[in-house]
């Protein structure tokens, strides 16, 4: 299984900030005590006519599911402008306490008629995030990109491994994290993040399913255009992303992007090879996720090609 290819869709440079949409209309309920006072939803306009505006679209996850690839591809559309960094507003109390005015200041400048999107993969698994986002705007549109839960666990470990390697910290072999006394270590956080149905239940308490579009991260590898057409349709965008925006890089072995004659691919920190895992451990993982996957499929009314 080509477990490393998905990350290769994450790109070496982010799309230049194109500007977001007409002023946001606040449908939210009164801010809780945690939020600082907030009196406006857009910053004063830039001389060129752009504004910073609260997001119309939020990519809520999943971690190591392909969120960077998704936001880069979505930014190909001229009606979309993306925040450059993961804001962590709704999941980090230290950021949330700064209030919506601070959150707004993290958004890119946009022209009237454009949509603003931000992505923070940790939102999906944070229990407090759905209520906070709904309080800001119950009509926001949510994108959730998913991949095979076992592959996501391995990718999660790989990212942490290399982060620790760069910081010269102690490196734990994956077996020591996955196993405890010969059985799966259910306290390993990466396993919990792949229990999609648990987290999805929480989101559906606050948002109807029709406001959450599920992107098949594994299909995005094989056929990015097809998946992005579904995203355009969900967001009511005029069809614009087309086959000319993607090209298969035979050297790298995956699709890259082309926009206005400029080509771009992955960052070297992305798409790292996953660790080799013994077949018996892989079978434990596949078995562990089998029932949770079925619950998730029932919850969202569709299936994915996961082991």
Protein backbone atom coordinates (compact mmCIF):
# COMPACT_ATOMS: atom_id res chain seq x y z
CA UNK A 1 0.00 0.00 0.00
CA UNK A 2 1.40 3.36 -0.95
CA UNK A 3 0.96 4.80 2.52
CA UNK A 4 3.23 7.77 1.98
CA UNK A 5 1.69 9.22 -1.14
CA UNK A 6 -1.11 11.20 0.43
CA UNK A 7 1.15 13.62 2.20
CA UNK A 8 2.86 14.31 -1.10
CA UNK A 9 -0.15 16.39 -2.05
CA UNK A 10 0.89 18.99 0.50
CA UNK A 11 2.70 21.73 -1.34
CA UNK A 12 5.98 23.61 -1.23
CA UNK A 13 4.43 27.00 -1.23
CA UNK A 14 1.05 28.19 -0.24
CA UNK A 15 -1.12 30.01 -2.70
CA UNK A 16 -0.71 33.75 -2.58
CA UNK A 17 -3.49 35.32 -0.58
CA UNK A 18 -6.25 36.24 -2.87
CA UNK A 19 -8.78 38.25 -1.18
CA UNK A 20 -12.92 37.10 0.89
CA UNK A 21 -16.61 37.87 0.74
CA UNK A 22 -19.03 40.72 1.49
CA UNK A 23 -19.28 41.72 5.14
CA UNK A 24 -20.20 38.84 7.40
CA UNK A 25 -23.67 38.99 8.94
CA UNK A 26 -23.55 37.78 12.51
CA UNK A 27 -26.30 35.24 13.21
CA UNK A 28 -24.60 34.16 16.40
CA UNK A 29 -26.06 34.05 19.89
CA UNK A 30 -24.52 36.44 22.46
CA UNK A 31 -20.86 35.78 23.16
CA UNK A 32 -20.07 33.74 26.27
CA UNK A 33 -17.96 35.27 29.05
CA UNK A 34 -14.88 33.63 27.52
CA UNK A 35 -15.09 35.95 24.50
CA UNK A 36 -13.92 39.53 24.76
CA UNK A 37 -16.33 42.23 23.53
CA UNK A 38 -16.67 42.35 19.77
CA UNK A 39 -18.39 45.19 17.98
CA UNK A 40 -17.78 44.61 14.28
CA UNK A 41 -17.31 41.79 11.83
CA UNK A 42 -14.97 43.38 9.30
CA UNK A 43 -11.87 45.52 9.61
CA UNK A 44 -11.74 48.89 7.94
CA UNK A 45 -11.19 48.49 4.22
CA UNK A 46 -7.74 48.56 2.70
CA UNK A 47 -7.22 51.34 0.14
CA UNK A 48 -7.42 48.75 -2.64
CA UNK A 49 -10.97 47.87 -1.59
CA UNK A 50 -10.24 44.63 0.29
CA UNK A 51 -11.40 43.68 3.77
CA UNK A 52 -10.58 41.12 6.43
CA UNK A 53 -13.70 39.04 7.01
CA UNK A 54 -14.73 36.14 9.20
CA UNK A 55 -14.57 32.78 7.40
CA UNK A 56 -17.47 31.50 5.33
CA UNK A 57 -15.77 28.07 5.17
CA UNK A 58 -13.76 26.20 7.79
CA UNK A 59 -11.74 23.06 7.10
CA UNK A 60 -12.18 21.33 10.45
CA UNK A 61 -9.91 18.33 9.88
CA UNK A 62 -8.89 15.65 10.07
CA UNK A 63 -5.28 15.86 11.22
CA UNK A 64 -2.98 14.17 8.68
CA UNK A 65 -5.94 13.70 6.38
CA UNK A 66 -4.83 16.11 3.66
CA UNK A 67 -6.07 19.48 4.88
CA UNK A 68 -3.12 21.34 3.38
CA UNK A 69 -3.70 19.77 -0.02
CA UNK A 70 -7.40 20.61 0.21
CA UNK A 71 -6.92 24.28 1.06
CA UNK A 72 -4.26 24.66 -1.64
CA UNK A 73 -6.57 23.15 -4.25
CA UNK A 74 -9.52 25.23 -3.08
CA UNK A 75 -7.39 28.35 -3.37
CA UNK A 76 -7.16 27.71 -7.11
CA UNK A 77 -10.68 29.15 -7.34
CA UNK A 78 -10.72 32.90 -7.83
CA UNK A 79 -13.73 33.28 -5.51
CA UNK A 80 -11.85 31.80 -2.54
CA UNK A 81 -9.14 33.31 -0.37
CA UNK A 82 -7.39 31.25 2.31
CA UNK A 83 -5.78 32.05 5.63
CA UNK A 84 -2.13 31.14 5.38
CA UNK A 85 -1.71 29.55 8.81
CA UNK A 86 -3.62 27.28 11.13
CA UNK A 87 -5.31 29.73 13.49
CA UNK A 88 -6.31 27.40 16.36
CA UNK A 89 -8.87 29.93 17.51
CA UNK A 90 -11.67 27.62 18.56
CA UNK A 91 -9.58 24.87 20.16
CA UNK A 92 -6.94 26.90 22.06
CA UNK A 93 -8.45 28.77 25.01
CA UNK A 94 -5.54 31.22 24.97
CA UNK A 95 -6.60 32.27 21.46
CA UNK A 96 -10.35 32.06 22.05
CA UNK A 97 -10.11 34.40 25.02
CA UNK A 98 -8.78 37.09 22.69
CA UNK A 99 -12.19 37.26 21.06
CA UNK A 100 -13.54 37.38 17.53
CA UNK A 101 -11.80 40.66 16.83
CA UNK A 102 -8.45 38.90 17.16
CA UNK A 103 -9.72 35.99 15.05
CA UNK A 104 -10.76 38.42 12.35
CA UNK A 105 -7.28 39.95 12.38
CA UNK A 106 -5.86 36.55 11.40
CA UNK A 107 -7.93 36.39 8.22
CA UNK A 108 -6.61 37.37 4.77
CA UNK A 109 -7.78 40.46 2.94
CA UNK A 110 -10.51 39.79 0.40
CA UNK A 111 -12.67 41.50 -2.17
CA UNK A 112 -16.46 41.66 -1.85
CA UNK A 113 -17.96 38.51 -3.32
CA UNK A 114 -15.09 36.24 -2.33
CA UNK A 115 -15.26 33.50 0.30
CA UNK A 116 -12.76 33.27 3.16
CA UNK A 117 -11.55 29.85 4.31
CA UNK A 118 -9.35 28.84 7.23
CA UNK A 119 -8.20 25.38 8.24
CA UNK A 120 -7.21 23.95 11.58
CA UNK A 121 -7.19 20.12 11.57
CA UNK A 122 -7.36 19.91 15.37
CA UNK A 123 -10.88 21.34 15.34
CA UNK A 124 -12.47 18.00 14.44
CA UNK A 125 -11.34 16.17 17.58
CA UNK A 126 -11.80 19.03 20.05
CA UNK A 127 -15.08 18.59 21.94
CA UNK A 128 -15.62 22.31 22.57
CA UNK A 129 -15.10 23.51 18.99
CA UNK A 130 -18.48 22.74 17.35
CA UNK A 131 -20.44 24.83 19.86
CA UNK A 132 -17.97 27.71 19.58
CA UNK A 133 -18.10 27.76 15.79
CA UNK A 134 -21.89 27.60 15.83
CA UNK A 135 -21.97 30.56 18.21
CA UNK A 136 -19.93 32.54 15.69
CA UNK A 137 -22.00 31.54 12.67
CA UNK A 138 -24.45 28.62 12.51
CA UNK A 139 -24.52 28.94 8.71
CA UNK A 140 -20.78 28.44 8.18
CA UNK A 141 -19.91 25.65 5.76
CA UNK A 142 -17.59 22.94 7.04
CA UNK A 143 -15.16 20.73 5.14
CA UNK A 144 -13.88 17.48 6.65
CA UNK A 145 -11.28 15.48 4.74
CA UNK A 146 -10.79 11.87 5.82
CA UNK A 147 -8.50 9.02 4.96
CA UNK A 148 -8.11 5.39 5.98
CA UNK A 149 -7.92 5.51 9.82
CA UNK A 150 -4.92 3.17 10.00
CA UNK A 151 -2.98 5.18 7.42
CA UNK A 152 -3.85 8.33 9.36
CA UNK A 153 -2.39 6.84 12.56
CA UNK A 154 0.87 5.99 10.79
CA UNK A 155 1.07 9.45 9.26
CA UNK A 156 0.37 11.01 12.66
CA UNK A 157 3.25 9.06 14.20
CA UNK A 158 5.56 9.98 11.31
CA UNK A 159 4.95 13.70 11.78
CA UNK A 160 5.61 13.55 15.53
CA UNK A 161 8.70 11.40 14.97
CA UNK A 162 10.29 13.93 12.62
CA UNK A 163 9.33 16.86 14.83
CA UNK A 164 11.10 15.20 17.74
CA UNK A 165 14.04 14.33 15.51
CA UNK A 166 14.50 17.98 14.54
CA UNK A 167 14.41 18.99 18.21
CA UNK A 168 16.89 16.25 19.18
CA UNK A 169 14.35 14.64 21.51
CA UNK A 170 14.03 11.01 22.46
CA UNK A 171 12.55 8.96 19.62
CA UNK A 172 10.05 6.24 20.46
CA UNK A 173 9.61 3.36 18.03
CA UNK A 174 6.04 3.10 16.83
CA UNK A 175 5.59 -0.35 18.39
CA UNK A 176 6.20 1.08 21.87
CA UNK A 177 3.36 3.56 21.33
CA UNK A 178 0.91 1.26 19.58
CA UNK A 179 1.28 -1.72 21.90
CA UNK A 180 0.99 -2.34 25.62
CA UNK A 181 1.47 -5.88 26.89
CA UNK A 182 1.01 -7.18 23.37
CA UNK A 183 -2.32 -5.42 22.77
CA UNK A 184 -3.17 -2.08 21.24
CA UNK A 185 -2.50 0.83 23.57
CA UNK A 186 -5.88 2.53 23.59
CA UNK A 187 -4.40 5.52 25.44
CA UNK A 188 -2.34 6.43 22.37
CA UNK A 189 -3.87 9.70 21.20
CA UNK A 190 -3.33 8.93 17.52
CA UNK A 191 -5.79 6.03 17.81
CA UNK A 192 -8.46 8.27 19.31
CA UNK A 193 -8.08 10.78 16.49
CA UNK A 194 -9.00 8.05 14.00
CA UNK A 195 -12.25 7.15 15.78
CA UNK A 196 -14.17 9.33 13.38
CA UNK A 197 -17.67 8.38 14.48
CA UNK A 198 -17.01 9.52 18.08
CA UNK A 199 -16.04 13.02 17.00
CA UNK A 200 -18.65 13.22 14.24
CA UNK A 201 -21.40 12.56 16.76
CA UNK A 202 -20.36 15.70 18.60
CA UNK A 203 -20.41 17.81 15.42
CA UNK A 204 -23.85 16.55 14.49
CA UNK A 205 -25.19 17.77 17.82
CA UNK A 206 -24.51 21.30 16.62
CA UNK A 207 -24.60 21.20 12.81
CA UNK A 208 -26.86 19.30 10.41
CA UNK A 209 -25.05 16.85 8.17
CA UNK A 210 -25.87 18.93 5.08
CA UNK A 211 -23.56 21.68 6.35
CA UNK A 212 -20.57 19.31 6.56
CA UNK A 213 -19.01 18.11 3.32
CA UNK A 214 -16.88 14.97 3.56
CA UNK A 215 -13.89 14.91 1.24
CA UNK A 216 -12.41 11.49 0.46
CA UNK A 217 -8.71 12.03 1.08
CA UNK A 218 -7.71 8.74 -0.52
CA UNK A 219 -9.68 9.61 -3.67
CA UNK A 220 -8.06 13.05 -3.68
CA UNK A 221 -4.73 11.32 -4.31
CA UNK A 222 -6.01 9.35 -7.28
CA UNK A 223 -8.35 11.88 -8.87
CA UNK A 224 -8.07 15.38 -7.35
CA UNK A 225 -10.26 17.04 -9.97
CA UNK A 226 -13.26 14.82 -9.26
CA UNK A 227 -13.10 15.51 -5.53
CA UNK A 228 -12.67 19.26 -6.01
CA UNK A 229 -15.69 19.40 -8.32
CA UNK A 230 -17.75 18.02 -5.43
CA UNK A 231 -16.33 20.69 -3.14
CA UNK A 232 -17.21 23.44 -5.63
CA UNK A 233 -20.76 22.13 -5.81
CA UNK A 234 -21.11 22.01 -2.01
CA UNK A 235 -19.89 25.61 -1.72
CA UNK A 236 -22.15 26.81 -4.56
CA UNK A 237 -19.10 28.00 -6.48
CA UNK A 238 -19.18 28.52 -10.21
CA UNK A 239 -17.23 25.58 -11.71
CA UNK A 240 -13.73 26.85 -12.32
CA UNK A 241 -11.13 24.32 -11.17
CA UNK A 242 -10.31 22.14 -14.17
CA UNK A 243 -7.94 19.49 -15.47
CA UNK A 244 -5.33 22.06 -16.49
CA UNK A 245 -4.82 22.89 -12.78
CA UNK A 246 -3.37 19.43 -12.11
CA UNK A 247 -0.44 17.58 -13.60
CA UNK A 248 1.06 14.25 -12.65
CA UNK A 249 4.72 14.60 -11.70
CA UNK A 250 6.27 11.29 -12.77
CA UNK A 251 9.44 11.93 -10.83
CA UNK A 252 7.61 12.46 -7.57
CA UNK A 253 4.78 10.06 -8.36
CA UNK A 254 1.84 12.28 -7.47
CA UNK A 255 -0.27 15.19 -8.69
CA UNK A 256 0.97 18.76 -8.38
CA UNK A 257 -0.75 22.06 -9.13
CA UNK A 258 -0.54 24.50 -12.00
CA UNK A 259 -1.97 28.01 -11.84
CA UNK A 260 -1.42 30.83 -14.33
CA UNK A 261 1.61 28.99 -15.70
CA UNK A 262 3.17 28.50 -12.26
CA UNK A 263 3.74 24.97 -11.02
CA UNK A 264 4.07 23.95 -7.40
CA UNK A 265 4.40 20.74 -5.44
CA UNK A 266 5.02 19.51 -1.95
CA UNK A 267 7.21 20.82 0.81
CA UNK A 268 10.04 18.49 1.72
CA UNK A 269 8.61 18.14 5.24
CA UNK A 270 5.49 16.52 3.80
CA UNK A 271 4.93 13.10 2.32
CA UNK A 272 7.51 11.33 4.42
CA UNK A 273 7.68 7.55 4.23
CA UNK A 274 5.75 5.83 7.01
CA UNK A 275 7.56 3.45 9.36
CA UNK A 276 7.51 -0.24 8.58
CA UNK A 277 5.01 -1.94 10.83
CA UNK A 278 4.81 -5.69 11.40
CA UNK A 279 1.86 -7.31 9.59
CA UNK A 280 0.37 -8.61 12.84
CA UNK A 281 0.29 -5.08 14.28
CA UNK A 282 -1.35 -3.76 11.12
CA UNK A 283 -3.99 -6.45 11.42
CA UNK A 284 -4.66 -5.39 15.01
CA UNK A 285 -5.19 -1.82 13.77
CA UNK A 286 -7.46 -2.85 10.91
CA UNK A 287 -9.47 -5.00 13.29
CA UNK A 288 -9.70 -2.27 15.89
CA UNK A 289 -11.10 0.28 13.42
CA UNK A 290 -13.48 -2.11 11.67
CA UNK A 291 -16.51 -1.56 13.89
CA UNK A 292 -15.93 2.20 14.44
CA UNK A 293 -15.71 2.60 10.66
CA UNK A 294 -19.07 0.88 10.18
CA UNK A 295 -20.60 3.18 12.81
CA UNK A 296 -19.21 6.18 11.00
CA UNK A 297 -20.57 5.02 7.65
CA UNK A 298 -24.02 4.63 9.18
CA UNK A 299 -23.78 8.05 10.80
CA UNK A 300 -22.94 9.91 7.59
CA UNK A 301 -24.86 7.72 5.14
CA UNK A 302 -21.94 6.81 2.90
CA UNK A 303 -19.00 4.40 2.80
CA UNK A 304 -15.29 4.79 2.13
CA UNK A 305 -12.80 2.27 0.78
CA UNK A 306 -10.96 1.67 4.03
CA UNK A 307 -9.46 -1.61 5.22
